Amino acid sequence: MLGANPIEVITHSTGDWTLIFLMLTLSITPLRKLTGLHWLVRFRRMLGLFAFFYASLHFTTYIWLDKFFDLNEVLKDVGKRKFITVGFTAFVLLIPLAATSTAASIRRLGKRWQTLHRLIYVSALAGVVHYWWLVKADVRKPQYYAIVLTLLLGYRLIAAQRKKSATPVRLAGTRRREPVAGD
């Protein structure tokens, strides 16, 4: 079932699953907000860790089965082939996310945890670019991922814009405070 080039099949399969789990992780917030199914948030961490797991398998397949742990060859590849540079960047950005996905890390980092975990957007984008630059002719699969990612990130941009432009709600019966000199 692995065909004439099993290493390529394994590499592409693990890469596909990485992107699938990244998209699923990113889809939790829009689904939760659009449907009101708040229990979905319980699965976001698990899906993100699955994405990291498959990214680790993808990278391990590359470094072990394709490069036979020749780190000089890997470093040359990272520096020379831009799709590998972008893919390596996507993987490296997932490492701190996986390392800080525990409840203790969330408590310890406080608000900085959420800022750090926004790296998933950059990682997902880099993963899609990595796949797009990898394929030579048929870009349909990377295009599908790019469309899904655009929709997921577009939703976030629109939601943030709406939140930013929303007028503050005043409690009934309260008066608007008049500006004082020096405000």
N, C-alpha and C. Protein backbone atom coordinates (compact mmCIF):
# COMPACT_ATOMS: atom_id res chain seq x y z
N MET A 1 0.81 -1.20 0.00
CA MET A 1 0.00 0.00 0.00
C MET A 1 0.86 1.27 0.00
N LEU A 2 2.13 1.15 0.33
CA LEU A 2 2.99 2.32 0.38
C LEU A 2 3.57 2.67 -0.98
N GLY A 3 3.36 1.84 -1.97
CA GLY A 3 3.78 2.15 -3.32
C GLY A 3 5.27 2.05 -3.56
N ALA A 4 5.71 2.65 -4.67
CA ALA A 4 7.10 2.56 -5.08
C ALA A 4 8.01 3.42 -4.20
N ASN A 5 7.47 4.47 -3.60
CA ASN A 5 8.28 5.35 -2.76
C ASN A 5 7.62 5.48 -1.38
N PRO A 6 7.83 4.49 -0.50
CA PRO A 6 7.15 4.50 0.80
C PRO A 6 7.52 5.70 1.68
N ILE A 7 8.76 6.17 1.58
CA ILE A 7 9.17 7.32 2.40
C ILE A 7 8.35 8.54 2.02
N GLU A 8 8.14 8.74 0.75
CA GLU A 8 7.33 9.88 0.28
C GLU A 8 5.89 9.76 0.75
N VAL A 9 5.34 8.55 0.70
CA VAL A 9 3.96 8.34 1.15
C VAL A 9 3.83 8.63 2.64
N ILE A 10 4.76 8.14 3.43
CA ILE A 10 4.73 8.39 4.88
C ILE A 10 4.90 9.88 5.17
N THR A 11 5.84 10.51 4.48
CA THR A 11 6.08 11.94 4.69
C THR A 11 4.84 12.75 4.34
N HIS A 12 4.24 12.46 3.22
CA HIS A 12 3.05 13.22 2.81
C HIS A 12 1.85 12.93 3.71
N SER A 13 1.70 11.69 4.13
CA SER A 13 0.58 11.35 5.01
C SER A 13 0.69 12.06 6.35
N THR A 14 1.87 12.03 6.94
CA THR A 14 2.05 12.69 8.23
C THR A 14 1.91 14.21 8.09
N GLY A 15 2.36 14.75 6.97
CA GLY A 15 2.18 16.18 6.72
C GLY A 15 0.72 16.55 6.56
N ASP A 16 -0.03 15.72 5.83
CA ASP A 16 -1.47 15.96 5.67
C ASP A 16 -2.18 15.93 7.02
N TRP A 17 -1.87 14.93 7.84
CA TRP A 17 -2.52 14.84 9.14
C TRP A 17 -2.15 16.01 10.05
N THR A 18 -0.93 16.49 9.92
CA THR A 18 -0.53 17.68 10.68
C THR A 18 -1.43 18.85 10.31
N LEU A 19 -1.58 19.10 9.01
CA LEU A 19 -2.42 20.22 8.56
C LEU A 19 -3.89 20.01 8.93
N ILE A 20 -4.37 18.78 8.83
CA ILE A 20 -5.76 18.50 9.19
C ILE A 20 -5.99 18.84 10.67
N PHE A 21 -5.08 18.40 11.53
CA PHE A 21 -5.26 18.68 12.96
C PHE A 21 -5.05 20.16 13.29
N LEU A 22 -4.17 20.83 12.57
CA LEU A 22 -4.04 22.28 12.77
C LEU A 22 -5.34 22.99 12.40
N MET A 23 -5.94 22.60 11.27
CA MET A 23 -7.20 23.23 10.84
C MET A 23 -8.32 22.91 11.83
N LEU A 24 -8.37 21.67 12.31
CA LEU A 24 -9.39 21.31 13.31
C LEU A 24 -9.22 22.12 14.58
N THR A 25 -7.96 22.27 15.02
CA THR A 25 -7.69 23.06 16.23
C THR A 25 -8.17 24.50 16.04
N LEU A 26 -7.85 25.07 14.89
CA LEU A 26 -8.24 26.46 14.62
C LEU A 26 -9.74 26.61 14.40
N SER A 27 -10.43 25.53 14.08
CA SER A 27 -11.87 25.63 13.82
C SER A 27 -12.71 25.61 15.10
N ILE A 28 -12.10 25.25 16.22
CA ILE A 28 -12.87 25.15 17.47
C ILE A 28 -13.49 26.48 17.86
N THR A 29 -12.72 27.55 17.86
CA THR A 29 -13.25 28.85 18.29
C THR A 29 -14.40 29.33 17.41
N PRO A 30 -14.25 29.34 16.08
CA PRO A 30 -15.40 29.77 15.27
C PRO A 30 -16.63 28.87 15.46
N LEU A 31 -16.42 27.56 15.51
CA LEU A 31 -17.55 26.65 15.71
C LEU A 31 -18.24 26.91 17.05
N ARG A 32 -17.44 27.12 18.08
CA ARG A 32 -17.98 27.38 19.42
C ARG A 32 -18.79 28.67 19.43
N LYS A 33 -18.25 29.71 18.80
CA LYS A 33 -18.93 31.00 18.82
C LYS A 33 -20.16 31.04 17.91
N LEU A 34 -20.08 30.35 16.79
CA LEU A 34 -21.22 30.36 15.84
C LEU A 34 -22.36 29.45 16.27
N THR A 35 -22.02 28.34 16.95
CA THR A 35 -23.05 27.37 17.30
C THR A 35 -23.46 27.42 18.77
N GLY A 36 -22.63 28.05 19.59
CA GLY A 36 -22.92 28.07 21.02
C GLY A 36 -22.55 26.76 21.72
N LEU A 37 -21.86 25.89 21.03
CA LEU A 37 -21.43 24.60 21.61
C LEU A 37 -20.11 24.82 22.35
N HIS A 38 -20.20 25.37 23.54
CA HIS A 38 -19.01 25.76 24.29
C HIS A 38 -18.18 24.57 24.76
N TRP A 39 -18.75 23.39 24.82
CA TRP A 39 -18.02 22.20 25.24
C TRP A 39 -16.92 21.82 24.25
N LEU A 40 -16.98 22.35 23.02
CA LEU A 40 -15.97 22.03 22.02
C LEU A 40 -14.56 22.47 22.46
N VAL A 41 -14.50 23.50 23.29
CA VAL A 41 -13.20 24.03 23.72
C VAL A 41 -12.39 22.97 24.46
N ARG A 42 -13.04 21.98 25.04
CA ARG A 42 -12.32 20.91 25.74
C ARG A 42 -11.45 20.08 24.82
N PHE A 43 -11.74 20.10 23.52
CA PHE A 43 -10.99 19.28 22.56
C PHE A 43 -9.85 20.04 21.88
N ARG A 44 -9.80 21.35 22.07
CA ARG A 44 -8.81 22.16 21.35
C ARG A 44 -7.38 21.76 21.70
N ARG A 45 -7.09 21.59 22.98
CA ARG A 45 -5.73 21.22 23.40
C ARG A 45 -5.34 19.86 22.82
N MET A 46 -6.25 18.90 22.92
CA MET A 46 -5.98 17.56 22.40
C MET A 46 -5.71 17.60 20.89
N LEU A 47 -6.51 18.35 20.16
CA LEU A 47 -6.32 18.45 18.71
C LEU A 47 -4.99 19.12 18.38
N GLY A 48 -4.63 20.14 19.15
CA GLY A 48 -3.34 20.80 18.95
C GLY A 48 -2.18 19.86 19.22
N LEU A 49 -2.31 19.02 20.25
CA LEU A 49 -1.26 18.06 20.54
C LEU A 49 -1.18 16.97 19.48
N PHE A 50 -2.32 16.60 18.91
CA PHE A 50 -2.30 15.67 17.77
C PHE A 50 -1.57 16.30 16.59
N ALA A 51 -1.80 17.58 16.35
CA ALA A 51 -1.10 18.29 15.27
C ALA A 51 0.41 18.23 15.51
N PHE A 52 0.82 18.49 16.75
CA PHE A 52 2.25 18.43 17.08
C PHE A 52 2.79 17.01 16.92
N PHE A 53 2.02 16.02 17.34
CA PHE A 53 2.43 14.62 17.21
C PHE A 53 2.70 14.28 15.74
N TYR A 54 1.76 14.63 14.86
CA TYR A 54 1.94 14.33 13.44
C TYR A 54 3.05 15.17 12.82
N ALA A 55 3.23 16.40 13.29
CA ALA A 55 4.35 17.22 12.81
C ALA A 55 5.67 16.58 13.23
N SER A 56 5.71 16.02 14.44
CA SER A 56 6.91 15.33 14.91
C SER A 56 7.18 14.09 14.07
N LEU A 57 6.13 13.35 13.75
CA LEU A 57 6.30 12.18 12.87
C LEU A 57 6.78 12.61 11.48
N HIS A 58 6.22 13.69 10.98
CA HIS A 58 6.60 14.23 9.67
C HIS A 58 8.09 14.59 9.67
N PHE A 59 8.51 15.33 10.69
CA PHE A 59 9.91 15.74 10.79
C PHE A 59 10.81 14.54 11.00
N THR A 60 10.38 13.60 11.85
CA THR A 60 11.19 12.39 12.11
C THR A 60 11.35 11.57 10.84
N THR A 61 10.29 11.46 10.06
CA THR A 61 10.38 10.73 8.79
C THR A 61 11.42 11.38 7.89
N TYR A 62 11.39 12.69 7.83
CA TYR A 62 12.35 13.43 6.99
C TYR A 62 13.78 13.23 7.48
N ILE A 63 13.99 13.45 8.79
CA ILE A 63 15.37 13.42 9.31
C ILE A 63 15.92 11.99 9.39
N TRP A 64 15.03 11.00 9.62
CA TRP A 64 15.49 9.62 9.79
C TRP A 64 15.50 8.88 8.46
N LEU A 65 14.33 8.75 7.85
CA LEU A 65 14.22 7.91 6.66
C LEU A 65 14.75 8.58 5.39
N ASP A 66 14.68 9.91 5.34
CA ASP A 66 15.13 10.60 4.14
C ASP A 66 16.60 11.04 4.25
N LYS A 67 17.03 11.49 5.42
CA LYS A 67 18.39 12.02 5.59
C LYS A 67 19.27 11.15 6.47
N PHE A 68 18.75 10.07 7.04
CA PHE A 68 19.54 9.12 7.85
C PHE A 68 20.32 9.82 8.96
N PHE A 69 19.68 10.79 9.61
CA PHE A 69 20.24 11.54 10.73
C PHE A 69 21.52 12.30 10.38
N ASP A 70 21.73 12.59 9.11
CA ASP A 70 22.89 13.39 8.70
C ASP A 70 22.52 14.86 8.91
N LEU A 71 22.89 15.40 10.09
CA LEU A 71 22.49 16.75 10.46
C LEU A 71 23.09 17.80 9.54
N ASN A 72 24.29 17.56 9.02
CA ASN A 72 24.86 18.51 8.06
C ASN A 72 24.00 18.59 6.80
N GLU A 73 23.54 17.44 6.35
CA GLU A 73 22.67 17.39 5.18
C GLU A 73 21.34 18.09 5.45
N VAL A 74 20.80 17.89 6.65
CA VAL A 74 19.54 18.53 7.04
C VAL A 74 19.72 20.05 7.06
N LEU A 75 20.80 20.52 7.70
CA LEU A 75 21.04 21.97 7.77
C LEU A 75 21.25 22.57 6.39
N LYS A 76 21.94 21.85 5.51
CA LYS A 76 22.10 22.33 4.13
C LYS A 76 20.74 22.45 3.45
N ASP A 77 19.90 21.43 3.66
CA ASP A 77 18.55 21.42 3.08
C ASP A 77 17.71 22.60 3.60
N VAL A 78 17.78 22.83 4.91
CA VAL A 78 17.01 23.92 5.52
C VAL A 78 17.46 25.25 4.94
N GLY A 79 18.76 25.42 4.74
CA GLY A 79 19.27 26.67 4.21
C GLY A 79 19.08 26.85 2.72
N LYS A 80 19.02 25.75 1.98
CA LYS A 80 19.00 25.82 0.53
C LYS A 80 17.59 25.75 -0.08
N ARG A 81 16.74 24.94 0.48
CA ARG A 81 15.41 24.71 -0.11
C ARG A 81 14.35 25.43 0.71
N LYS A 82 13.76 26.46 0.11
CA LYS A 82 12.87 27.34 0.89
C LYS A 82 11.64 26.62 1.42
N PHE A 83 11.13 25.60 0.74
CA PHE A 83 9.96 24.89 1.29
C PHE A 83 10.33 24.13 2.55
N ILE A 84 11.57 23.66 2.65
CA ILE A 84 12.01 22.98 3.87
C ILE A 84 12.24 24.00 4.98
N THR A 85 12.78 25.17 4.62
CA THR A 85 12.98 26.23 5.61
C THR A 85 11.65 26.62 6.25
N VAL A 86 10.64 26.81 5.42
CA VAL A 86 9.32 27.20 5.93
C VAL A 86 8.69 26.07 6.75
N GLY A 87 8.83 24.84 6.29
CA GLY A 87 8.30 23.70 7.03
C GLY A 87 9.00 23.52 8.37
N PHE A 88 10.30 23.69 8.37
CA PHE A 88 11.06 23.59 9.62
C PHE A 88 10.63 24.69 10.58
N THR A 89 10.42 25.88 10.07
CA THR A 89 9.93 26.99 10.89
C THR A 89 8.57 26.65 11.50
N ALA A 90 7.67 26.11 10.70
CA ALA A 90 6.34 25.72 11.19
C ALA A 90 6.47 24.71 12.33
N PHE A 91 7.35 23.74 12.17
CA PHE A 91 7.55 22.73 13.21
C PHE A 91 8.13 23.34 14.48
N VAL A 92 9.17 24.16 14.34
CA VAL A 92 9.82 24.78 15.50
C VAL A 92 8.82 25.65 16.27
N LEU A 93 7.92 26.32 15.58
CA LEU A 93 6.93 27.16 16.25
C LEU A 93 5.92 26.34 17.05
N LEU A 94 5.71 25.09 16.67
CA LEU A 94 4.78 24.23 17.41
C LEU A 94 5.38 23.69 18.71
N ILE A 95 6.70 23.66 18.80
CA ILE A 95 7.35 23.09 19.99
C ILE A 95 6.97 23.84 21.27
N PRO A 96 7.08 25.18 21.33
CA PRO A 96 6.69 25.84 22.58
C PRO A 96 5.19 25.72 22.87
N LEU A 97 4.39 25.57 21.83
CA LEU A 97 2.95 25.40 22.04
C LEU A 97 2.67 24.07 22.72
N ALA A 98 3.31 23.01 22.25
CA ALA A 98 3.12 21.70 22.87
C ALA A 98 3.71 21.69 24.29
N ALA A 99 4.86 22.32 24.45
CA ALA A 99 5.52 22.32 25.76
C ALA A 99 4.73 23.10 26.81
N THR A 100 3.94 24.08 26.38
CA THR A 100 3.19 24.91 27.34
C THR A 100 1.69 24.63 27.30
N SER A 101 1.32 23.44 26.88
CA SER A 101 -0.11 23.14 26.80
C SER A 101 -0.67 22.50 28.06
N THR A 102 0.13 22.40 29.08
CA THR A 102 -0.35 21.83 30.34
C THR A 102 -1.09 22.89 31.15
N ALA A 103 -1.93 22.43 32.06
CA ALA A 103 -2.67 23.34 32.93
C ALA A 103 -1.71 24.17 33.78
N ALA A 104 -0.61 23.56 34.23
CA ALA A 104 0.37 24.29 35.04
C ALA A 104 1.01 25.42 34.23
N SER A 105 1.32 25.16 32.97
CA SER A 105 1.91 26.20 32.11
C SER A 105 0.93 27.33 31.88
N ILE A 106 -0.32 26.99 31.70
CA ILE A 106 -1.35 28.01 31.48
C ILE A 106 -1.43 28.92 32.70
N ARG A 107 -1.44 28.32 33.90
CA ARG A 107 -1.48 29.12 35.14
C ARG A 107 -0.21 29.95 35.30
N ARG A 108 0.93 29.34 35.06
CA ARG A 108 2.21 30.01 35.26
C ARG A 108 2.40 31.18 34.30
N LEU A 109 1.99 31.01 33.04
CA LEU A 109 2.20 32.06 32.04
C LEU A 109 1.12 33.13 32.06
N GLY A 110 -0.04 32.81 32.58
CA GLY A 110 -1.13 33.79 32.64
C GLY A 110 -1.52 34.29 31.25
N LYS A 111 -1.64 35.61 31.09
CA LYS A 111 -2.03 36.20 29.79
C LYS A 111 -1.00 35.94 28.71
N ARG A 112 0.27 35.78 29.10
CA ARG A 112 1.32 35.52 28.11
C ARG A 112 1.10 34.19 27.40
N TRP A 113 0.40 33.26 28.06
CA TRP A 113 0.12 31.96 27.44
C TRP A 113 -0.68 32.16 26.16
N GLN A 114 -1.72 32.97 26.23
CA GLN A 114 -2.57 33.20 25.06
C GLN A 114 -1.77 33.88 23.95
N THR A 115 -0.93 34.82 24.30
CA THR A 115 -0.09 35.49 23.30
C THR A 115 0.84 34.48 22.64
N LEU A 116 1.47 33.64 23.44
CA LEU A 116 2.37 32.61 22.91
C LEU A 116 1.62 31.67 21.97
N HIS A 117 0.42 31.28 22.35
CA HIS A 117 -0.32 30.29 21.57
C HIS A 117 -0.91 30.86 20.28
N ARG A 118 -0.76 32.15 20.08
CA ARG A 118 -1.13 32.71 18.78
C ARG A 118 -0.12 32.33 17.71
N LEU A 119 0.99 31.74 18.10
CA LEU A 119 1.96 31.22 17.14
C LEU A 119 1.34 30.15 16.24
N ILE A 120 0.24 29.56 16.68
CA ILE A 120 -0.41 28.54 15.85
C ILE A 120 -0.83 29.12 14.50
N TYR A 121 -1.19 30.41 14.47
CA TYR A 121 -1.58 31.03 13.20
C TYR A 121 -0.39 31.06 12.25
N VAL A 122 0.75 31.45 12.75
CA VAL A 122 1.95 31.53 11.92
C VAL A 122 2.38 30.13 11.49
N SER A 123 2.31 29.19 12.43
CA SER A 123 2.70 27.82 12.12
C SER A 123 1.79 27.20 11.06
N ALA A 124 0.49 27.41 11.19
CA ALA A 124 -0.45 26.87 10.19
C ALA A 124 -0.20 27.50 8.82
N LEU A 125 0.02 28.80 8.80
CA LEU A 125 0.30 29.49 7.54
C LEU A 125 1.60 28.96 6.93
N ALA A 126 2.63 28.81 7.75
CA ALA A 126 3.89 28.28 7.26
C ALA A 126 3.73 26.84 6.76
N GLY A 127 2.90 26.05 7.44
CA GLY A 127 2.64 24.68 7.00
C GLY A 127 1.97 24.62 5.64
N VAL A 128 1.01 25.50 5.42
CA VAL A 128 0.34 25.54 4.12
C VAL A 128 1.31 26.01 3.03
N VAL A 129 2.10 27.02 3.32
CA VAL A 129 3.10 27.50 2.35
C VAL A 129 4.12 26.40 2.07
N HIS A 130 4.55 25.69 3.10
CA HIS A 130 5.48 24.56 2.94
C HIS A 130 4.92 23.54 1.95
N TYR A 131 3.66 23.19 2.12
CA TYR A 131 3.03 22.21 1.24
C TYR A 131 2.89 22.76 -0.18
N TRP A 132 2.48 24.01 -0.29
CA TRP A 132 2.27 24.63 -1.60
C TRP A 132 3.58 24.67 -2.38
N TRP A 133 4.66 25.07 -1.71
CA TRP A 133 5.96 25.15 -2.39
C TRP A 133 6.55 23.78 -2.67
N LEU A 134 6.13 22.77 -1.94
CA LEU A 134 6.62 21.41 -2.15
C LEU A 134 6.11 20.84 -3.47
N VAL A 135 4.81 21.01 -3.72
CA VAL A 135 4.24 20.40 -4.92
C VAL A 135 4.70 21.15 -6.16
N LYS A 136 4.87 20.41 -7.21
CA LYS A 136 5.39 21.01 -8.44
C LYS A 136 4.27 21.47 -9.37
N ALA A 137 3.26 20.64 -9.56
CA ALA A 137 2.24 20.97 -10.56
C ALA A 137 0.83 21.03 -9.99
N ASP A 138 0.41 19.97 -9.33
CA ASP A 138 -0.97 19.88 -8.86
C ASP A 138 -1.10 20.50 -7.47
N VAL A 139 -1.54 21.74 -7.42
CA VAL A 139 -1.62 22.47 -6.14
C VAL A 139 -3.01 22.40 -5.52
N ARG A 140 -3.85 21.48 -5.99
CA ARG A 140 -5.22 21.42 -5.46
C ARG A 140 -5.28 21.17 -3.96
N LYS A 141 -4.53 20.17 -3.46
CA LYS A 141 -4.59 19.88 -2.01
C LYS A 141 -4.08 21.06 -1.17
N PRO A 142 -2.92 21.63 -1.49
CA PRO A 142 -2.50 22.79 -0.71
C PRO A 142 -3.49 23.96 -0.84
N GLN A 143 -4.14 24.07 -1.99
CA GLN A 143 -5.15 25.12 -2.18
C GLN A 143 -6.32 24.92 -1.22
N TYR A 144 -6.75 23.69 -1.04
CA TYR A 144 -7.85 23.42 -0.11
C TYR A 144 -7.48 23.86 1.30
N TYR A 145 -6.26 23.49 1.71
CA TYR A 145 -5.80 23.91 3.04
C TYR A 145 -5.73 25.44 3.13
N ALA A 146 -5.25 26.07 2.07
CA ALA A 146 -5.14 27.53 2.07
C ALA A 146 -6.51 28.18 2.17
N ILE A 147 -7.50 27.62 1.50
CA ILE A 147 -8.87 28.17 1.56
C ILE A 147 -9.43 28.03 2.97
N VAL A 148 -9.28 26.84 3.56
CA VAL A 148 -9.78 26.61 4.91
C VAL A 148 -9.08 27.55 5.89
N LEU A 149 -7.76 27.66 5.78
CA LEU A 149 -7.02 28.54 6.68
C LEU A 149 -7.43 30.00 6.49
N THR A 150 -7.64 30.41 5.26
CA THR A 150 -8.09 31.79 4.99
C THR A 150 -9.44 32.05 5.64
N LEU A 151 -10.35 31.10 5.54
CA LEU A 151 -11.66 31.25 6.18
C LEU A 151 -11.53 31.32 7.70
N LEU A 152 -10.71 30.46 8.27
CA LEU A 152 -10.56 30.44 9.73
C LEU A 152 -9.89 31.72 10.25
N LEU A 153 -8.85 32.16 9.57
CA LEU A 153 -8.18 33.39 9.99
C LEU A 153 -9.03 34.62 9.65
N GLY A 154 -9.74 34.56 8.53
CA GLY A 154 -10.64 35.65 8.16
C GLY A 154 -11.74 35.83 9.19
N TYR A 155 -12.28 34.73 9.68
CA TYR A 155 -13.30 34.81 10.73
C TYR A 155 -12.74 35.54 11.94
N ARG A 156 -11.53 35.19 12.34
CA ARG A 156 -10.92 35.82 13.50
C ARG A 156 -10.69 37.32 13.28
N LEU A 157 -10.25 37.67 12.09
CA LEU A 157 -10.03 39.09 11.79
C LEU A 157 -11.34 39.88 11.86
N ILE A 158 -12.38 39.32 11.27
CA ILE A 158 -13.69 39.99 11.28
C ILE A 158 -14.22 40.09 12.71
N ALA A 159 -14.10 39.01 13.48
CA ALA A 159 -14.57 39.03 14.87
C ALA A 159 -13.79 40.05 15.70
N ALA A 160 -12.48 40.13 15.49
CA ALA A 160 -11.67 41.10 16.22
C ALA A 160 -12.03 42.53 15.83
N GLN A 161 -12.29 42.74 14.54
CA GLN A 161 -12.68 44.07 14.06
C GLN A 161 -14.02 44.48 14.64
N ARG A 162 -14.95 43.56 14.67
CA ARG A 162 -16.26 43.85 15.26
C ARG A 162 -16.16 44.16 16.74
N LYS A 163 -15.34 43.39 17.43
CA LYS A 163 -15.16 43.61 18.86
C LYS A 163 -14.52 44.97 19.11
N LYS A 164 -13.56 45.32 18.26
CA LYS A 164 -12.85 46.58 18.40
C LYS A 164 -13.77 47.78 18.13
N SER A 165 -14.67 47.65 17.16
CA SER A 165 -15.51 48.77 16.77
C SER A 165 -16.83 48.83 17.55
N ALA A 166 -17.09 47.83 18.39
CA ALA A 166 -18.34 47.82 19.16
C ALA A 166 -18.32 48.97 20.17
N THR A 167 -19.45 49.63 20.27
CA THR A 167 -19.54 50.73 21.23
C THR A 167 -19.74 50.15 22.62
N PRO A 168 -19.14 50.77 23.61
CA PRO A 168 -19.30 50.23 24.97
C PRO A 168 -20.75 50.34 25.43
N VAL A 169 -21.19 49.34 26.14
CA VAL A 169 -22.57 49.30 26.64
C VAL A 169 -22.62 49.98 27.99
N ARG A 170 -23.56 50.91 28.15
CA ARG A 170 -23.75 51.57 29.44
C ARG A 170 -24.92 50.92 30.15
N LEU A 171 -24.81 50.87 31.45
CA LEU A 171 -25.90 50.33 32.25
C LEU A 171 -27.06 51.31 32.21
N ALA A 172 -28.27 50.78 32.23
CA ALA A 172 -29.47 51.63 32.21
C ALA A 172 -29.46 52.54 33.43
N GLY A 173 -29.77 53.80 33.20
CA GLY A 173 -29.87 54.76 34.29
C GLY A 173 -28.55 55.43 34.64
N THR A 174 -27.46 55.03 33.98
CA THR A 174 -26.18 55.69 34.27
C THR A 174 -25.97 56.82 33.30
N ARG A 175 -25.30 57.84 33.74
CA ARG A 175 -25.04 58.99 32.89
C ARG A 175 -23.65 58.89 32.31
N ARG A 176 -23.51 59.47 31.17
CA ARG A 176 -22.21 59.51 30.52
C ARG A 176 -21.33 60.51 31.25
N ARG A 177 -20.10 60.12 31.53
CA ARG A 177 -19.16 60.98 32.23
C ARG A 177 -18.65 62.04 31.28
N GLU A 178 -18.69 63.28 31.70
CA GLU A 178 -18.19 64.40 30.90
C GLU A 178 -16.67 64.44 31.05
N PRO A 179 -15.96 64.68 29.96
CA PRO A 179 -14.49 64.73 30.06
C PRO A 179 -14.05 65.88 30.94
N VAL A 180 -13.00 65.63 31.69
CA VAL A 180 -12.41 66.62 32.57
C VAL A 180 -11.10 67.07 31.95
N ALA A 181 -10.72 68.32 32.19
CA ALA A 181 -9.46 68.82 31.65
C ALA A 181 -8.33 67.88 32.07
N GLY A 182 -7.49 67.53 31.11
CA GLY A 182 -6.38 66.61 31.37
C GLY A 182 -6.68 65.18 31.00
N ASP A 183 -7.94 64.89 30.61
CA ASP A 183 -8.30 63.52 30.19
C ASP A 183 -7.71 63.20 28.86
